[in-house]
Structure formats: structure tokens, C-alpha cells
Amino acid sequence: MILASSHILWVLFLFIFKPVFGQLTGKQDSATLNILFKASYAFQFPSMDLAKRFGNNSNICSEGEVKFASNFTMGVKGAFIFGKQVREDSILNGIATSQGYHIDKGGELATVYNDERGFTVMATVGKIFPIFKSNANSGPFVQLGVGMLRHKIRYDWRQSNLPQLSKELLKGYDRLTYGPAIEVFAGYMYLSKNRLINFFGGVEYTMAWTRNRRGYNYDTMQYDTVLRKDALLGIRAGWILPIYRKEKKEFFYY
């Protein structure tokens, strides 16, 4: 009789409390990757028409990207281009002395420095191809971008006052150029499971079809409307800040 009563009580205990234990032991609270913020640096080598104007340059890029559960990505990116190697360095010779100096407003000799400035803006799509089952968010990564490339020669004369290079006159010398561009990136993306180490790196190629947007060059006294082909090949590496979105919790009863 006592054994039978104990058995009944044990069955009732399991019937009442097992769903509670099932919630505690069977609850899933997983997190999925949602948004990626990237910051990167690239060293780039120009080719085609761009190589006639500039040498190698640096590139700093920031990017916002959405990563889907399918490992496809969509995003936007902007990159700042800068360099010290200007190969078209004789543009100002016609308004300089035979020694390469410029006469400022006070009659003093001034030195004009030049460098490269530019940027790209791209809308991107990409795909991660995971090769290790232990981490489905990492693997070889390819990305295609469509947007614009812009570049010009930047002149700097420090503290001197040069009327011959006023804001309006400078437009005839700076070779402001821009046009549509495409960009291809191939590399590797790593997103750690503990979310602490996240990076990417690879090779990037940019091709653009550009024109001189000033239209007229003061130094050559000619109109410049020729279609240019500007290309950049670079090696890029960067850090990723991932933002995770928690999935809604699911409860399983046993």
C-alpha cells in the first residue's frame, strides 16, 4: 500500500514539474550575425590612364554591410584615396619661375606642393563560402561593387598668398576627374564564434570610366573631354565590428 502510494506521488511529481525542467534544459537562445561594420586599409597600384598621372597610393575605407543567413551580403562603402606621387608634375610650370618657385602677392618666392586626393563610393553585394563546418560564418569571400571613382591633383602652398592659384583659377590645373566604376574583391573573411576576433583581407581591383570635369586645361590651353580608363589594383586588410541580433527564444517540452 505504501509502495503504491509512493509510486502515485512520483508520477504526479513528474507530471507537474517535468515541463518546468524541460524549459530549463531545452531552451535555445542562439544569436545570428546581422550587421557588419568594417574599417580597412589598402595599398594600391594604379594602371592604365591613372598610372600616367599618379603613382602608388593609400586607401582608407569604411563599410556597412548586412549579412544574411544564406551568407550573401549587401552593403555600401566609401573610401578615401591619398598619395604623394604625382607624375603630371609640370602642370604649373607656365606660371612658375625657371627654378620652379611661384611669386606670391608680396613678391616673395613660394613653393607649391602637390599630391593625390580622391575617393570611391560603392554599393556592394557579396558571398561567403564557408569551408569549415565548425564556423559557418567564415570562409573565402567575394564581393562586387558598383559606384563612382573621383580623383584630382591637390595643390598646397602653405601660408603663401598666390592670386594666380585662386579658388576659381585652380580649377584649370587640378584635373578633377570622375566617372562610373566597378570593383571586385576576392579574399577571406573570418568571424570568430566568440565574437572577439573578426577580420578580412584580400585583393581588390577597381576599374573606372572617367572624364576631366573641368573641361578646359589652362596649362595646355585645350579642352579635355577624352574618356579615360582608370584602374587600381590593391591589397586590402581590415577589422570587422559585428552586430548580432538575438533570435526569439524557443521552448521545448518533454
C-alpha atoms as a PDB file:
ATOM      1  CA  MET A   1       0.000   0.000   0.000  1.00  0.00           C
ATOM      2  CA  ILE A   2       2.816   2.370   0.941  1.00  0.00           C
ATOM      3  CA  LEU A   3       4.754   1.453  -2.232  1.00  0.00           C
ATOM      4  CA  ALA A   4       1.690   2.068  -4.370  1.00  0.00           C
ATOM      5  CA  SER A   5       1.126   5.496  -2.776  1.00  0.00           C
ATOM      6  CA  SER A   6       4.787   6.435  -3.306  1.00  0.00           C
ATOM      7  CA  HIS A   7       4.564   5.422  -6.933  1.00  0.00           C
ATOM      8  CA  ILE A   8       1.445   7.552  -7.476  1.00  0.00           C
ATOM      9  CA  LEU A   9       3.103  10.581  -5.854  1.00  0.00           C
ATOM     10  CA  TRP A  10       6.211  10.166  -8.039  1.00  0.00           C
ATOM     11  CA  VAL A  11       4.096  10.049 -11.207  1.00  0.00           C
ATOM     12  CA  LEU A  12       2.210  13.185 -10.135  1.00  0.00           C
ATOM     13  CA  PHE A  13       5.520  14.966  -9.398  1.00  0.00           C
ATOM     14  CA  LEU A  14       6.859  14.192 -12.857  1.00  0.00           C
ATOM     15  CA  PHE A  15       3.586  15.192 -14.498  1.00  0.00           C
ATOM     16  CA  ILE A  16       3.514  18.577 -12.761  1.00  0.00           C
ATOM     17  CA  PHE A  17       7.177  19.608 -12.736  1.00  0.00           C
ATOM     18  CA  LYS A  18       8.739  17.966 -15.796  1.00  0.00           C
ATOM     19  CA  PRO A  19       7.515  20.698 -18.174  1.00  0.00           C
ATOM     20  CA  VAL A  20       9.300  23.231 -15.990  1.00  0.00           C
ATOM     21  CA  PHE A  21      12.545  21.248 -16.092  1.00  0.00           C
ATOM     22  CA  GLY A  22      12.056  20.840 -19.824  1.00  0.00           C
ATOM     23  CA  GLN A  23      12.020  24.631 -20.252  1.00  0.00           C
ATOM     24  CA  LEU A  24      15.229  24.997 -18.285  1.00  0.00           C
ATOM     25  CA  THR A  25      17.159  22.279 -20.074  1.00  0.00           C
ATOM     26  CA  GLY A  26      15.712  22.542 -23.568  1.00  0.00           C
ATOM     27  CA  LYS A  27      15.698  26.325 -24.079  1.00  0.00           C
ATOM     28  CA  GLN A  28      17.577  27.621 -27.148  1.00  0.00           C
ATOM     29  CA  ASP A  29      18.982  31.172 -27.132  1.00  0.00           C
ATOM     30  CA  SER A  30      21.137  31.388 -30.246  1.00  0.00           C
ATOM     31  CA  ALA A  31      22.443  34.561 -31.915  1.00  0.00           C
ATOM     32  CA  THR A  32      22.820  35.193 -35.655  1.00  0.00           C
ATOM     33  CA  LEU A  33      25.035  37.656 -37.436  1.00  0.00           C
ATOM     34  CA  ASN A  34      23.085  40.643 -38.700  1.00  0.00           C
ATOM     35  CA  ILE A  35      25.172  43.753 -39.476  1.00  0.00           C
ATOM     36  CA  LEU A  36      28.910  44.223 -40.126  1.00  0.00           C
ATOM     37  CA  PHE A  37      30.816  47.480 -39.781  1.00  0.00           C
ATOM     38  CA  LYS A  38      34.216  47.348 -41.494  1.00  0.00           C
ATOM     39  CA  ALA A  39      37.282  49.582 -41.380  1.00  0.00           C
ATOM     40  CA  SER A  40      40.196  48.764 -43.667  1.00  0.00           C
ATOM     41  CA  TYR A  41      43.397  49.945 -45.314  1.00  0.00           C
ATOM     42  CA  ALA A  42      44.642  49.171 -48.817  1.00  0.00           C
ATOM     43  CA  PHE A  43      47.860  49.887 -50.663  1.00  0.00           C
ATOM     44  CA  GLN A  44      47.061  50.374 -54.334  1.00  0.00           C
ATOM     45  CA  PHE A  45      48.906  50.311 -57.646  1.00  0.00           C
ATOM     46  CA  PRO A  46      47.427  52.397 -60.490  1.00  0.00           C
ATOM     47  CA  SER A  47      47.292  51.259 -64.106  1.00  0.00           C
ATOM     48  CA  MET A  48      46.011  52.439 -67.492  1.00  0.00           C
ATOM     49  CA  ASP A  49      45.442  56.220 -67.663  1.00  0.00           C
ATOM     50  CA  LEU A  50      45.616  56.649 -63.900  1.00  0.00           C
ATOM     51  CA  ALA A  51      49.226  55.428 -63.858  1.00  0.00           C
ATOM     52  CA  LYS A  52      50.211  58.322 -66.134  1.00  0.00           C
ATOM     53  CA  ARG A  53      49.010  60.819 -63.542  1.00  0.00           C
ATOM     54  CA  PHE A  54      49.713  59.208 -60.166  1.00  0.00           C
ATOM     55  CA  GLY A  55      51.976  56.661 -58.541  1.00  0.00           C
ATOM     56  CA  ASN A  56      51.098  54.202 -55.778  1.00  0.00           C
ATOM     57  CA  ASN A  57      48.583  55.383 -53.197  1.00  0.00           C
ATOM     58  CA  SER A  58      46.965  54.546 -49.866  1.00  0.00           C
ATOM     59  CA  ASN A  59      43.259  53.916 -49.360  1.00  0.00           C
ATOM     60  CA  ILE A  60      41.211  54.023 -46.138  1.00  0.00           C
ATOM     61  CA  CYS A  61      37.729  52.542 -46.336  1.00  0.00           C
ATOM     62  CA  SER A  62      34.657  52.289 -44.116  1.00  0.00           C
ATOM     63  CA  GLU A  63      31.757  49.992 -44.910  1.00  0.00           C
ATOM     64  CA  GLY A  64      28.362  48.993 -43.586  1.00  0.00           C
ATOM     65  CA  GLU A  65      27.104  45.590 -44.598  1.00  0.00           C
ATOM     66  CA  VAL A  66      24.155  43.298 -43.943  1.00  0.00           C
ATOM     67  CA  LYS A  67      24.937  39.588 -43.818  1.00  0.00           C
ATOM     68  CA  PHE A  68      22.039  37.242 -44.414  1.00  0.00           C
ATOM     69  CA  ALA A  69      21.636  33.683 -43.133  1.00  0.00           C
ATOM     70  CA  SER A  70      22.440  32.477 -46.656  1.00  0.00           C
ATOM     71  CA  ASN A  71      25.900  34.117 -46.321  1.00  0.00           C
ATOM     72  CA  PHE A  72      25.067  36.643 -49.029  1.00  0.00           C
ATOM     73  CA  THR A  73      25.921  40.245 -48.171  1.00  0.00           C
ATOM     74  CA  MET A  74      24.711  43.681 -49.252  1.00  0.00           C
ATOM     75  CA  GLY A  75      26.223  46.992 -48.247  1.00  0.00           C
ATOM     76  CA  VAL A  76      27.615  50.428 -49.016  1.00  0.00           C
ATOM     77  CA  LYS A  77      31.210  51.597 -48.718  1.00  0.00           C
ATOM     78  CA  GLY A  78      33.219  54.766 -49.047  1.00  0.00           C
ATOM     79  CA  ALA A  79      36.992  55.019 -49.417  1.00  0.00           C
ATOM     80  CA  PHE A  80      39.413  57.958 -49.188  1.00  0.00           C
ATOM     81  CA  ILE A  81      42.366  57.871 -51.606  1.00  0.00           C
ATOM     82  CA  PHE A  82      45.592  59.769 -50.935  1.00  0.00           C
ATOM     83  CA  GLY A  83      49.168  59.670 -52.184  1.00  0.00           C
ATOM     84  CA  LYS A  84      52.327  61.734 -52.621  1.00  0.00           C
ATOM     85  CA  GLN A  85      53.348  60.561 -56.092  1.00  0.00           C
ATOM     86  CA  VAL A  86      52.114  62.951 -58.805  1.00  0.00           C
ATOM     87  CA  ARG A  87      53.608  62.122 -62.201  1.00  0.00           C
ATOM     88  CA  GLU A  88      51.980  65.033 -64.025  1.00  0.00           C
ATOM     89  CA  ASP A  89      54.120  67.445 -62.040  1.00  0.00           C
ATOM     90  CA  SER A  90      54.795  70.050 -64.743  1.00  0.00           C
ATOM     91  CA  ILE A  91      51.260  71.453 -64.981  1.00  0.00           C
ATOM     92  CA  LEU A  92      52.174  74.664 -63.114  1.00  0.00           C
ATOM     93  CA  ASN A  93      55.455  75.299 -64.949  1.00  0.00           C
ATOM     94  CA  GLY A  94      53.867  78.011 -67.076  1.00  0.00           C
ATOM     95  CA  ILE A  95      53.140  80.186 -64.029  1.00  0.00           C
ATOM     96  CA  ALA A  96      56.353  79.385 -62.112  1.00  0.00           C
ATOM     97  CA  THR A  97      59.932  80.651 -62.278  1.00  0.00           C
ATOM     98  CA  SER A  98      62.656  78.704 -64.075  1.00  0.00           C
ATOM     99  CA  GLN A  99      63.635  77.250 -60.678  1.00  0.00           C
ATOM    100  CA  GLY A 100      60.066  76.057 -60.033  1.00  0.00           C
ATOM    101  CA  TYR A 101      59.087  78.723 -57.480  1.00  0.00           C
ATOM    102  CA  HIS A 102      55.964  80.874 -57.510  1.00  0.00           C
ATOM    103  CA  ILE A 103      55.755  84.590 -56.748  1.00  0.00           C
ATOM    104  CA  ASP A 104      53.257  85.371 -54.009  1.00  0.00           C
ATOM    105  CA  LYS A 105      51.261  88.578 -53.546  1.00  0.00           C
ATOM    106  CA  GLY A 106      54.060  90.150 -51.504  1.00  0.00           C
ATOM    107  CA  GLY A 107      56.731  89.400 -54.104  1.00  0.00           C
ATOM    108  CA  GLU A 108      58.242  86.533 -52.120  1.00  0.00           C
ATOM    109  CA  LEU A 109      59.167  83.139 -53.510  1.00  0.00           C
ATOM    110  CA  ALA A 110      56.753  80.344 -52.614  1.00  0.00           C
ATOM    111  CA  THR A 111      56.870  76.598 -53.109  1.00  0.00           C
ATOM    112  CA  VAL A 112      53.760  74.772 -54.278  1.00  0.00           C
ATOM    113  CA  TYR A 113      53.401  71.133 -53.266  1.00  0.00           C
ATOM    114  CA  ASN A 114      51.140  68.638 -54.962  1.00  0.00           C
ATOM    115  CA  ASP A 115      49.648  65.293 -54.037  1.00  0.00           C
ATOM    116  CA  GLU A 116      46.804  62.957 -54.921  1.00  0.00           C
ATOM    117  CA  ARG A 117      43.315  63.096 -53.462  1.00  0.00           C
ATOM    118  CA  GLY A 118      40.255  61.068 -54.334  1.00  0.00           C
ATOM    119  CA  PHE A 119      37.530  58.753 -53.161  1.00  0.00           C
ATOM    120  CA  THR A 120      35.243  55.932 -54.209  1.00  0.00           C
ATOM    121  CA  VAL A 121      31.618  55.285 -53.266  1.00  0.00           C
ATOM    122  CA  MET A 122      30.178  51.827 -53.906  1.00  0.00           C
ATOM    123  CA  ALA A 123      27.068  49.726 -53.418  1.00  0.00           C
ATOM    124  CA  THR A 124      28.127  46.121 -52.900  1.00  0.00           C
ATOM    125  CA  VAL A 125      26.912  42.531 -52.980  1.00  0.00           C
ATOM    126  CA  GLY A 126      28.981  39.571 -51.838  1.00  0.00           C
ATOM    127  CA  LYS A 127      29.057  35.955 -50.758  1.00  0.00           C
ATOM    128  CA  ILE A 128      30.911  33.999 -48.079  1.00  0.00           C
ATOM    129  CA  PHE A 129      31.778  30.388 -48.925  1.00  0.00           C
ATOM    130  CA  PRO A 130      32.315  28.541 -45.614  1.00  0.00           C
ATOM    131  CA  ILE A 131      34.774  25.657 -45.822  1.00  0.00           C
ATOM    132  CA  PHE A 132      34.779  24.568 -42.178  1.00  0.00           C
ATOM    133  CA  LYS A 133      31.630  23.135 -40.614  1.00  0.00           C
ATOM    134  CA  SER A 134      32.724  24.431 -37.227  1.00  0.00           C
ATOM    135  CA  ASN A 135      32.265  28.052 -38.372  1.00  0.00           C
ATOM    136  CA  ALA A 136      29.592  28.706 -40.981  1.00  0.00           C
ATOM    137  CA  ASN A 137      30.202  32.473 -40.927  1.00  0.00           C
ATOM    138  CA  SER A 138      33.812  32.367 -42.151  1.00  0.00           C
ATOM    139  CA  GLY A 139      35.479  31.429 -45.401  1.00  0.00           C
ATOM    140  CA  PRO A 140      36.545  32.702 -48.815  1.00  0.00           C
ATOM    141  CA  PHE A 141      34.704  35.918 -49.628  1.00  0.00           C
ATOM    142  CA  VAL A 142      33.978  37.586 -52.971  1.00  0.00           C
ATOM    143  CA  GLN A 143      32.360  40.979 -53.441  1.00  0.00           C
ATOM    144  CA  LEU A 144      31.233  43.098 -56.383  1.00  0.00           C
ATOM    145  CA  GLY A 145      30.795  46.852 -56.117  1.00  0.00           C
ATOM    146  CA  VAL A 146      29.232  49.431 -58.437  1.00  0.00           C
ATOM    147  CA  GLY A 147      29.659  53.154 -57.915  1.00  0.00           C
ATOM    148  CA  MET A 148      31.987  56.061 -58.680  1.00  0.00           C
ATOM    149  CA  LEU A 149      35.702  56.912 -58.653  1.00  0.00           C
ATOM    150  CA  ARG A 150      36.827  60.521 -58.220  1.00  0.00           C
ATOM    151  CA  HIS A 151      40.371  61.937 -58.129  1.00  0.00           C
ATOM    152  CA  LYS A 152      42.287  65.177 -58.606  1.00  0.00           C
ATOM    153  CA  ILE A 153      45.654  66.836 -58.032  1.00  0.00           C
ATOM    154  CA  ARG A 154      45.709  68.770 -54.764  1.00  0.00           C
ATOM    155  CA  TYR A 155      47.973  71.822 -54.540  1.00  0.00           C
ATOM    156  CA  ASP A 156      49.244  73.250 -51.264  1.00  0.00           C
ATOM    157  CA  TRP A 157      51.289  76.425 -50.847  1.00  0.00           C
ATOM    158  CA  ARG A 158      51.233  76.598 -47.047  1.00  0.00           C
ATOM    159  CA  GLN A 159      50.958  80.190 -45.775  1.00  0.00           C
ATOM    160  CA  SER A 160      51.685  81.968 -49.060  1.00  0.00           C
ATOM    161  CA  ASN A 161      49.136  84.138 -50.864  1.00  0.00           C
ATOM    162  CA  LEU A 162      49.068  83.175 -54.552  1.00  0.00           C
ATOM    163  CA  PRO A 163      46.435  85.075 -56.575  1.00  0.00           C
ATOM    164  CA  GLN A 164      47.366  83.042 -59.661  1.00  0.00           C
ATOM    165  CA  LEU A 165      46.042  79.967 -57.841  1.00  0.00           C
ATOM    166  CA  SER A 166      42.804  81.377 -56.509  1.00  0.00           C
ATOM    167  CA  LYS A 167      39.902  79.022 -55.948  1.00  0.00           C
ATOM    168  CA  GLU A 168      38.467  79.756 -59.378  1.00  0.00           C
ATOM    169  CA  LEU A 169      41.754  79.669 -61.315  1.00  0.00           C
ATOM    170  CA  LEU A 170      42.841  76.460 -59.604  1.00  0.00           C
ATOM    171  CA  LYS A 171      40.078  74.615 -61.441  1.00  0.00           C
ATOM    172  CA  GLY A 172      42.102  74.908 -64.642  1.00  0.00           C
ATOM    173  CA  TYR A 173      45.001  72.983 -63.115  1.00  0.00           C
ATOM    174  CA  ASP A 174      43.675  70.376 -60.668  1.00  0.00           C
ATOM    175  CA  ARG A 175      42.440  67.848 -63.275  1.00  0.00           C
ATOM    176  CA  LEU A 176      39.279  66.993 -61.332  1.00  0.00           C
ATOM    177  CA  THR A 177      38.161  63.679 -62.807  1.00  0.00           C
ATOM    178  CA  TYR A 178      35.365  61.248 -62.009  1.00  0.00           C
ATOM    179  CA  GLY A 179      33.039  58.682 -63.510  1.00  0.00           C
ATOM    180  CA  PRO A 180      31.297  55.323 -63.020  1.00  0.00           C
ATOM    181  CA  ALA A 181      33.313  52.454 -61.607  1.00  0.00           C
ATOM    182  CA  ILE A 182      33.122  48.776 -60.752  1.00  0.00           C
ATOM    183  CA  GLU A 183      35.093  46.978 -58.060  1.00  0.00           C
ATOM    184  CA  VAL A 184      35.880  43.313 -57.439  1.00  0.00           C
ATOM    185  CA  PHE A 185      37.245  41.939 -54.155  1.00  0.00           C
ATOM    186  CA  ALA A 186      38.407  38.376 -53.527  1.00  0.00           C
ATOM    187  CA  GLY A 187      39.782  37.257 -50.184  1.00  0.00           C
ATOM    188  CA  TYR A 188      38.919  35.688 -46.851  1.00  0.00           C
ATOM    189  CA  MET A 189      36.573  36.773 -44.067  1.00  0.00           C
ATOM    190  CA  TYR A 190      36.892  35.454 -40.521  1.00  0.00           C
ATOM    191  CA  LEU A 191      34.177  35.934 -37.898  1.00  0.00           C
ATOM    192  CA  SER A 192      35.047  34.169 -34.664  1.00  0.00           C
ATOM    193  CA  LYS A 193      32.432  32.243 -32.736  1.00  0.00           C
ATOM    194  CA  ASN A 194      33.332  34.131 -29.555  1.00  0.00           C
ATOM    195  CA  ARG A 195      32.798  37.417 -31.471  1.00  0.00           C
ATOM    196  CA  LEU A 196      36.145  38.876 -30.374  1.00  0.00           C
ATOM    197  CA  ILE A 197      38.359  38.381 -33.441  1.00  0.00           C
ATOM    198  CA  ASN A 198      36.820  39.431 -36.755  1.00  0.00           C
ATOM    199  CA  PHE A 199      38.812  40.458 -39.823  1.00  0.00           C
ATOM    200  CA  PHE A 200      39.114  40.181 -43.582  1.00  0.00           C
ATOM    201  CA  GLY A 201      41.776  40.555 -46.241  1.00  0.00           C
ATOM    202  CA  GLY A 202      42.328  40.052 -49.928  1.00  0.00           C
ATOM    203  CA  VAL A 203      42.949  41.547 -53.349  1.00  0.00           C
ATOM    204  CA  GLU A 204      40.829  44.352 -54.793  1.00  0.00           C
ATOM    205  CA  TYR A 205      40.557  45.637 -58.361  1.00  0.00           C
ATOM    206  CA  THR A 206      38.813  48.868 -59.361  1.00  0.00           C
ATOM    207  CA  MET A 207      38.033  49.887 -62.936  1.00  0.00           C
ATOM    208  CA  ALA A 208      36.531  53.280 -63.812  1.00  0.00           C
ATOM    209  CA  TRP A 209      35.493  55.192 -66.917  1.00  0.00           C
ATOM    210  CA  THR A 210      36.138  58.846 -66.141  1.00  0.00           C
ATOM    211  CA  ARG A 211      36.391  62.296 -67.707  1.00  0.00           C
ATOM    212  CA  ASN A 212      38.015  65.601 -66.781  1.00  0.00           C
ATOM    213  CA  ARG A 213      35.108  67.534 -65.256  1.00  0.00           C
ATOM    214  CA  ARG A 214      36.776  70.942 -65.594  1.00  0.00           C
ATOM    215  CA  GLY A 215      36.606  70.669 -69.368  1.00  0.00           C
ATOM    216  CA  TYR A 216      39.455  73.091 -70.113  1.00  0.00           C
ATOM    217  CA  ASN A 217      43.100  72.945 -69.014  1.00  0.00           C
ATOM    218  CA  TYR A 218      44.816  76.311 -68.560  1.00  0.00           C
ATOM    219  CA  ASP A 219      48.322  74.912 -68.935  1.00  0.00           C
ATOM    220  CA  THR A 220      47.717  73.309 -72.346  1.00  0.00           C
ATOM    221  CA  MET A 221      45.032  75.828 -73.375  1.00  0.00           C
ATOM    222  CA  GLN A 222      42.971  72.947 -74.697  1.00  0.00           C
ATOM    223  CA  TYR A 223      39.640  71.333 -73.982  1.00  0.00           C
ATOM    224  CA  ASP A 224      39.917  67.942 -72.309  1.00  0.00           C
ATOM    225  CA  THR A 225      36.874  65.712 -72.811  1.00  0.00           C
ATOM    226  CA  VAL A 226      38.560  62.393 -73.610  1.00  0.00           C
ATOM    227  CA  LEU A 227      37.140  59.279 -71.952  1.00  0.00           C
ATOM    228  CA  ARG A 228      39.712  57.827 -69.562  1.00  0.00           C
ATOM    229  CA  LYS A 229      40.176  54.315 -68.244  1.00  0.00           C
ATOM    230  CA  ASP A 230      41.476  54.430 -64.675  1.00  0.00           C
ATOM    231  CA  ALA A 231      42.318  51.257 -62.774  1.00  0.00           C
ATOM    232  CA  LEU A 232      43.619  50.380 -59.311  1.00  0.00           C
ATOM    233  CA  LEU A 233      44.919  47.054 -58.020  1.00  0.00           C
ATOM    234  CA  GLY A 234      45.229  46.857 -54.248  1.00  0.00           C
ATOM    235  CA  ILE A 235      45.880  44.643 -51.266  1.00  0.00           C
ATOM    236  CA  ARG A 236      43.308  45.287 -48.533  1.00  0.00           C
ATOM    237  CA  ALA A 237      43.049  44.193 -44.896  1.00  0.00           C
ATOM    238  CA  GLY A 238      40.615  45.302 -42.251  1.00  0.00           C
ATOM    239  CA  TRP A 239      38.811  44.789 -38.963  1.00  0.00           C
ATOM    240  CA  ILE A 240      35.134  43.975 -38.552  1.00  0.00           C
ATOM    241  CA  LEU A 241      32.756  45.075 -35.813  1.00  0.00           C
ATOM    242  CA  PRO A 242      29.779  42.670 -35.938  1.00  0.00           C
ATOM    243  CA  ILE A 243      26.360  43.468 -34.515  1.00  0.00           C
ATOM    244  CA  TYR A 244      24.398  40.370 -33.534  1.00  0.00           C
ATOM    245  CA  ARG A 245      20.643  40.064 -33.347  1.00  0.00           C
ATOM    246  CA  LYS A 246      19.238  37.501 -30.970  1.00  0.00           C
ATOM    247  CA  GLU A 247      16.637  35.173 -32.322  1.00  0.00           C
ATOM    248  CA  LYS A 248      13.415  34.761 -30.406  1.00  0.00           C
ATOM    249  CA  LYS A 249      13.611  32.091 -27.755  1.00  0.00           C
ATOM    250  CA  GLU A 250      12.057  28.696 -28.314  1.00  0.00           C
ATOM    251  CA  PHE A 251      10.889  26.354 -25.573  1.00  0.00           C
ATOM    252  CA  PHE A 252      10.723  22.612 -25.836  1.00  0.00           C
ATOM    253  CA  TYR A 253       8.664  20.418 -23.536  1.00  0.00           C
ATOM    254  CA  TYR A 254       9.499  16.822 -22.831  1.00  0.00           C
END
